[in-house]
Amino acid sequence: MARIFGIEIPSEKRIEASLRYIYGIGATTASRILDHAGIDPNIRAGQLTEDQLVRIGSVIQSEGIIIEGDLRREKQAQLKRLTSINCYRGLRHKRGLPVRGQRTRTNSRTRKGKRRTVGVKK
């Protein structure tokens, strides 16, 4: 398996698809990285030379693409900021409800979890 920034990417897949295994790199970013590095996107990740892997790593650094742990920390900090200033989005995150205006009366089971029936006692 090829390693880029300490992350193992699958060697039997095309490099364009393998780069997506790195958190923070999607389809568009992967193709842009390969264009800048001058690498054929159809080559298998296991067939890359050490020089090509170094070029991919240097392009990621020079483009300023935030990946893996740094990106996760940045997203956590943004959520923490929203909850600390008690804005609407922060409160929705804190309560585990949909953040972007979706209805909650009938849907949003993914955020709310399993149904809990609330009955009326006599």
Protein backbone atom coordinates (compact mmCIF):
# COMPACT_ATOMS: atom_id res chain seq x y z
CA MET A 1 0.00 0.00 0.00
CA ALA A 2 1.17 3.49 -0.84
CA ARG A 3 1.52 6.02 1.99
CA ILE A 4 0.94 9.76 1.72
CA PHE A 5 1.33 11.83 4.92
CA GLY A 6 1.19 8.61 6.95
CA ILE A 7 -2.16 7.56 5.47
CA GLU A 8 -2.28 4.25 3.64
CA ILE A 9 -4.18 4.43 0.37
CA PRO A 10 -5.34 1.30 -1.50
CA SER A 11 -2.78 0.26 -4.09
CA GLU A 12 -5.07 -1.72 -6.40
CA LYS A 13 -7.31 1.26 -7.25
CA ARG A 14 -6.69 4.17 -9.60
CA ILE A 15 -4.77 6.97 -7.92
CA GLU A 16 -7.66 9.37 -8.53
CA ALA A 17 -9.95 7.11 -6.48
CA SER A 18 -7.29 6.21 -3.91
CA LEU A 19 -6.61 9.82 -2.97
CA ARG A 20 -10.23 10.11 -1.81
CA TYR A 21 -9.41 7.79 1.10
CA ILE A 22 -7.61 10.76 2.68
CA TYR A 23 -10.05 12.73 4.84
CA GLY A 24 -10.55 16.15 3.25
CA ILE A 25 -9.84 15.14 -0.36
CA GLY A 26 -12.80 14.56 -2.66
CA ALA A 27 -13.16 13.92 -6.38
CA THR A 28 -12.52 17.47 -7.57
CA THR A 29 -9.58 18.03 -5.25
CA ALA A 30 -8.01 14.70 -6.20
CA SER A 31 -8.13 15.47 -9.92
CA ARG A 32 -6.75 18.98 -9.29
CA ILE A 33 -3.85 17.56 -7.26
CA LEU A 34 -2.97 15.09 -10.01
CA ASP A 35 -3.12 17.83 -12.67
CA HIS A 36 -0.72 20.02 -10.70
CA ALA A 37 1.60 17.06 -10.00
CA GLY A 38 1.55 15.98 -13.64
CA ILE A 39 0.46 12.41 -12.91
CA ASP A 40 -1.89 10.31 -15.05
CA PRO A 41 -5.13 9.78 -13.04
CA ASN A 42 -5.63 6.29 -14.54
CA ILE A 43 -2.42 4.81 -13.11
CA ARG A 44 -2.82 2.42 -10.17
CA ALA A 45 -1.64 3.68 -6.78
CA GLY A 46 0.64 0.67 -6.36
CA GLN A 47 2.50 1.54 -9.56
CA LEU A 48 3.50 5.02 -8.40
CA THR A 49 7.18 5.71 -7.89
CA GLU A 50 8.55 7.29 -4.75
CA ASP A 51 9.16 10.52 -6.70
CA GLN A 52 5.51 10.70 -7.76
CA LEU A 53 4.32 10.17 -4.18
CA VAL A 54 6.59 13.00 -3.03
CA ARG A 55 5.21 15.26 -5.79
CA ILE A 56 1.62 14.52 -4.68
CA GLY A 57 2.56 15.36 -1.08
CA SER A 58 4.26 18.59 -2.07
CA VAL A 59 1.25 19.68 -4.17
CA ILE A 60 -1.07 19.07 -1.20
CA GLN A 61 1.17 21.22 0.99
CA SER A 62 1.71 23.98 -1.56
CA GLU A 63 -2.02 24.24 -2.37
CA GLY A 64 -2.77 24.64 1.34
CA ILE A 65 -5.23 21.73 1.40
CA ILE A 66 -6.13 20.90 4.99
CA ILE A 67 -6.42 17.13 5.53
CA GLU A 68 -6.93 14.50 8.24
CA GLY A 69 -6.27 15.60 11.85
CA ASP A 70 -5.94 19.32 11.13
CA LEU A 71 -9.27 19.35 9.29
CA ARG A 72 -11.02 17.37 12.04
CA ARG A 73 -9.65 19.77 14.68
CA GLU A 74 -10.76 22.79 12.66
CA LYS A 75 -14.30 21.44 12.27
CA GLN A 76 -14.49 20.65 16.00
CA ALA A 77 -13.32 24.17 16.83
CA GLN A 78 -16.01 25.66 14.58
CA LEU A 79 -18.73 23.58 16.28
CA LYS A 80 -17.38 24.49 19.70
CA ARG A 81 -17.47 28.19 18.79
CA LEU A 82 -21.09 27.92 17.64
CA THR A 83 -22.17 26.19 20.84
CA SER A 84 -20.22 28.57 23.09
CA ILE A 85 -21.85 31.71 21.66
CA ASN A 86 -25.29 30.07 22.00
CA CYS A 87 -26.40 30.86 18.48
CA TYR A 88 -29.31 28.95 16.92
CA ARG A 89 -27.06 26.55 14.98
CA GLY A 90 -25.01 25.88 18.11
CA LEU A 91 -28.11 25.07 20.15
CA ARG A 92 -29.35 22.67 17.46
CA HIS A 93 -25.98 20.91 17.45
CA LYS A 94 -26.04 20.70 21.24
CA ARG A 95 -29.56 19.20 21.29
CA GLY A 96 -28.86 16.78 18.46
CA LEU A 97 -31.52 18.20 16.15
CA PRO A 98 -31.33 19.16 12.44
CA VAL A 99 -29.33 22.35 12.00
CA ARG A 100 -30.35 23.62 8.57
CA GLY A 101 -34.08 24.22 8.90
CA GLN A 102 -35.49 20.78 8.17
CA ARG A 103 -38.83 19.81 9.69
CA THR A 104 -38.73 17.69 12.83
CA ARG A 105 -42.34 16.74 13.42
CA THR A 106 -42.29 13.69 11.15
CA ASN A 107 -38.77 13.33 9.78
CA SER A 108 -35.19 13.79 11.07
CA ARG A 109 -34.89 10.27 12.48
CA THR A 110 -31.18 10.25 11.70
CA ARG A 111 -30.49 13.11 14.08
CA LYS A 112 -33.10 12.30 16.73
CA GLY A 113 -32.49 8.55 16.95
CA LYS A 114 -34.98 5.75 17.51
CA ARG A 115 -38.61 6.73 18.13
CA ARG A 116 -39.61 7.12 21.77
CA THR A 117 -43.36 7.15 22.25
CA VAL A 118 -44.53 9.80 24.66
CA GLY A 119 -47.96 8.90 25.96
CA VAL A 120 -50.54 10.64 28.12
CA LYS A 121 -51.05 9.12 31.58
CA LYS A 122 -54.51 8.97 33.15
